Amino acid sequence: MVKDRDEFYSNLKLQLEDTTTFPSDYMFKFIVPADENQVQEVKDIFKNKNAVIKMKISKTGKYESLSVVLNVENSTEIIFYYKKAEIIKGIISL
């Protein structure tokens, strides 16, 4: 599993470097269960980073989507935030 994860992030890094000019605004998109404190955990990752966070609750109220726009310096910074987010219970990164 770790090898797949490392390969995923290596591929993502290459894709980001091929398609993005840095520094750049980057939009992270996450879906989390709405029943615990996962929304706050996502917000905490980007606290004091001047990120713009927009939230939308699902029709059923079971999930909340978060769009986070952050100015990043490079692809490594993007991957850093994805790795911090992946430990949140039930999160889906898009």
C-alpha atoms as a PDB file:
ATOM      1  CA  MET A   1       0.000   0.000   0.000  1.00  0.00           C
ATOM      2  CA  VAL A   2       2.801   2.431   0.867  1.00  0.00           C
ATOM      3  CA  LYS A   3       4.472   1.762  -2.495  1.00  0.00           C
ATOM      4  CA  ASP A   4       1.215   2.586  -4.317  1.00  0.00           C
ATOM      5  CA  ARG A   5       0.856   5.740  -2.240  1.00  0.00           C
ATOM      6  CA  ASP A   6       4.424   6.828  -2.966  1.00  0.00           C
ATOM      7  CA  GLU A   7       3.928   6.114  -6.662  1.00  0.00           C
ATOM      8  CA  PHE A   8       0.679   8.096  -6.653  1.00  0.00           C
ATOM      9  CA  TYR A   9       2.393  11.146  -5.155  1.00  0.00           C
ATOM     10  CA  SER A  10       5.365  10.823  -7.531  1.00  0.00           C
ATOM     11  CA  ASN A  11       2.991  10.791 -10.497  1.00  0.00           C
ATOM     12  CA  LEU A  12       0.998  13.705  -9.073  1.00  0.00           C
ATOM     13  CA  LYS A  13       4.198  15.723  -8.628  1.00  0.00           C
ATOM     14  CA  LEU A  14       5.144  15.165 -12.274  1.00  0.00           C
ATOM     15  CA  GLN A  15       1.654  16.081 -13.496  1.00  0.00           C
ATOM     16  CA  LEU A  16       1.589  19.243 -11.400  1.00  0.00           C
ATOM     17  CA  GLU A  17       4.997  20.338 -12.655  1.00  0.00           C
ATOM     18  CA  ASP A  18       3.945  19.726 -16.271  1.00  0.00           C
ATOM     19  CA  THR A  19       0.663  21.633 -16.025  1.00  0.00           C
ATOM     20  CA  THR A  20       1.150  24.367 -13.427  1.00  0.00           C
ATOM     21  CA  THR A  21       3.264  27.494 -13.293  1.00  0.00           C
ATOM     22  CA  PHE A  22       4.347  28.227  -9.719  1.00  0.00           C
ATOM     23  CA  PRO A  23       3.665  30.105  -7.542  1.00  0.00           C
ATOM     24  CA  SER A  24      -0.005  29.561  -8.226  1.00  0.00           C
ATOM     25  CA  ASP A  25      -3.427  29.405  -6.634  1.00  0.00           C
ATOM     26  CA  TYR A  26      -4.345  25.735  -6.251  1.00  0.00           C
ATOM     27  CA  MET A  27      -7.763  24.333  -5.420  1.00  0.00           C
ATOM     28  CA  PHE A  28      -7.916  21.354  -3.089  1.00  0.00           C
ATOM     29  CA  LYS A  29     -11.252  19.524  -3.001  1.00  0.00           C
ATOM     30  CA  PHE A  30     -12.262  17.230  -0.183  1.00  0.00           C
ATOM     31  CA  ILE A  31     -15.381  15.350   0.869  1.00  0.00           C
ATOM     32  CA  VAL A  32     -15.756  14.410   4.532  1.00  0.00           C
ATOM     33  CA  PRO A  33     -18.478  12.857   6.682  1.00  0.00           C
ATOM     34  CA  ALA A  34     -20.535  15.624   8.291  1.00  0.00           C
ATOM     35  CA  ASP A  35     -21.232  13.752  11.527  1.00  0.00           C
ATOM     36  CA  GLU A  36     -17.964  14.289  13.410  1.00  0.00           C
ATOM     37  CA  ASN A  37     -15.277  16.979  13.420  1.00  0.00           C
ATOM     38  CA  GLN A  38     -13.622  16.216  10.071  1.00  0.00           C
ATOM     39  CA  VAL A  39     -14.622  19.597   8.610  1.00  0.00           C
ATOM     40  CA  GLN A  40     -12.749  21.324  11.409  1.00  0.00           C
ATOM     41  CA  GLU A  41      -9.760  19.025  10.908  1.00  0.00           C
ATOM     42  CA  VAL A  42      -9.543  20.101   7.255  1.00  0.00           C
ATOM     43  CA  LYS A  43      -9.868  23.755   8.251  1.00  0.00           C
ATOM     44  CA  ASP A  44      -7.091  23.299  10.815  1.00  0.00           C
ATOM     45  CA  ILE A  45      -4.676  22.076   8.118  1.00  0.00           C
ATOM     46  CA  PHE A  46      -5.022  25.408   6.325  1.00  0.00           C
ATOM     47  CA  LYS A  47      -5.325  27.641   9.403  1.00  0.00           C
ATOM     48  CA  ASN A  48      -3.288  30.864   9.190  1.00  0.00           C
ATOM     49  CA  LYS A  49      -2.392  30.185   5.533  1.00  0.00           C
ATOM     50  CA  ASN A  50      -4.734  32.752   3.942  1.00  0.00           C
ATOM     51  CA  ALA A  51      -6.699  29.944   2.320  1.00  0.00           C
ATOM     52  CA  VAL A  52     -10.193  30.576   0.977  1.00  0.00           C
ATOM     53  CA  ILE A  53     -12.467  27.743   2.097  1.00  0.00           C
ATOM     54  CA  LYS A  54     -15.944  27.143   0.691  1.00  0.00           C
ATOM     55  CA  MET A  55     -18.194  24.438   2.082  1.00  0.00           C
ATOM     56  CA  LYS A  56     -21.312  22.738   0.836  1.00  0.00           C
ATOM     57  CA  ILE A  57     -23.363  20.087   2.597  1.00  0.00           C
ATOM     58  CA  SER A  58     -24.756  17.153   0.610  1.00  0.00           C
ATOM     59  CA  LYS A  59     -28.478  16.816  -0.042  1.00  0.00           C
ATOM     60  CA  THR A  60     -28.699  14.019   2.521  1.00  0.00           C
ATOM     61  CA  GLY A  61     -26.643  15.939   5.081  1.00  0.00           C
ATOM     62  CA  LYS A  62     -24.243  13.020   5.514  1.00  0.00           C
ATOM     63  CA  TYR A  63     -21.278  14.635   3.775  1.00  0.00           C
ATOM     64  CA  GLU A  64     -19.718  18.028   3.392  1.00  0.00           C
ATOM     65  CA  SER A  65     -17.544  19.121   0.490  1.00  0.00           C
ATOM     66  CA  LEU A  66     -14.780  21.631   0.981  1.00  0.00           C
ATOM     67  CA  SER A  67     -13.028  23.616  -1.737  1.00  0.00           C
ATOM     68  CA  VAL A  68      -9.831  25.172  -0.481  1.00  0.00           C
ATOM     69  CA  VAL A  69      -7.945  27.700  -2.596  1.00  0.00           C
ATOM     70  CA  LEU A  70      -4.401  28.364  -1.460  1.00  0.00           C
ATOM     71  CA  ASN A  71      -1.461  30.099  -3.071  1.00  0.00           C
ATOM     72  CA  VAL A  72       1.351  27.544  -3.216  1.00  0.00           C
ATOM     73  CA  GLU A  73       5.000  27.871  -4.124  1.00  0.00           C
ATOM     74  CA  ASN A  74       5.532  24.449  -5.731  1.00  0.00           C
ATOM     75  CA  SER A  75       4.222  20.917  -6.247  1.00  0.00           C
ATOM     76  CA  THR A  76       5.903  19.713  -3.054  1.00  0.00           C
ATOM     77  CA  GLU A  77       3.727  22.079  -1.027  1.00  0.00           C
ATOM     78  CA  ILE A  78       0.562  20.690  -2.651  1.00  0.00           C
ATOM     79  CA  ILE A  79       1.575  17.135  -1.830  1.00  0.00           C
ATOM     80  CA  PHE A  80       2.413  18.192   1.739  1.00  0.00           C
ATOM     81  CA  TYR A  81      -1.197  19.325   2.266  1.00  0.00           C
ATOM     82  CA  TYR A  82      -2.670  16.212   0.652  1.00  0.00           C
ATOM     83  CA  LYS A  83      -0.558  14.030   2.954  1.00  0.00           C
ATOM     84  CA  LYS A  84      -1.722  15.989   6.001  1.00  0.00           C
ATOM     85  CA  ALA A  85      -5.348  15.581   4.892  1.00  0.00           C
ATOM     86  CA  GLU A  86      -5.170  11.862   4.122  1.00  0.00           C
ATOM     87  CA  ILE A  87      -4.994  10.958   7.824  1.00  0.00           C
ATOM     88  CA  ILE A  88      -8.443  12.450   8.466  1.00  0.00           C
ATOM     89  CA  LYS A  89     -11.017   9.713   9.066  1.00  0.00           C
ATOM     90  CA  GLY A  90     -13.322   9.163   6.076  1.00  0.00           C
ATOM     91  CA  ILE A  91     -11.835  11.909   3.880  1.00  0.00           C
ATOM     92  CA  ILE A  92     -11.971  11.698   0.099  1.00  0.00           C
ATOM     93  CA  SER A  93      -9.526  13.886  -1.819  1.00  0.00           C
ATOM     94  CA  LEU A  94     -10.532  14.859  -5.337  1.00  0.00           C
END
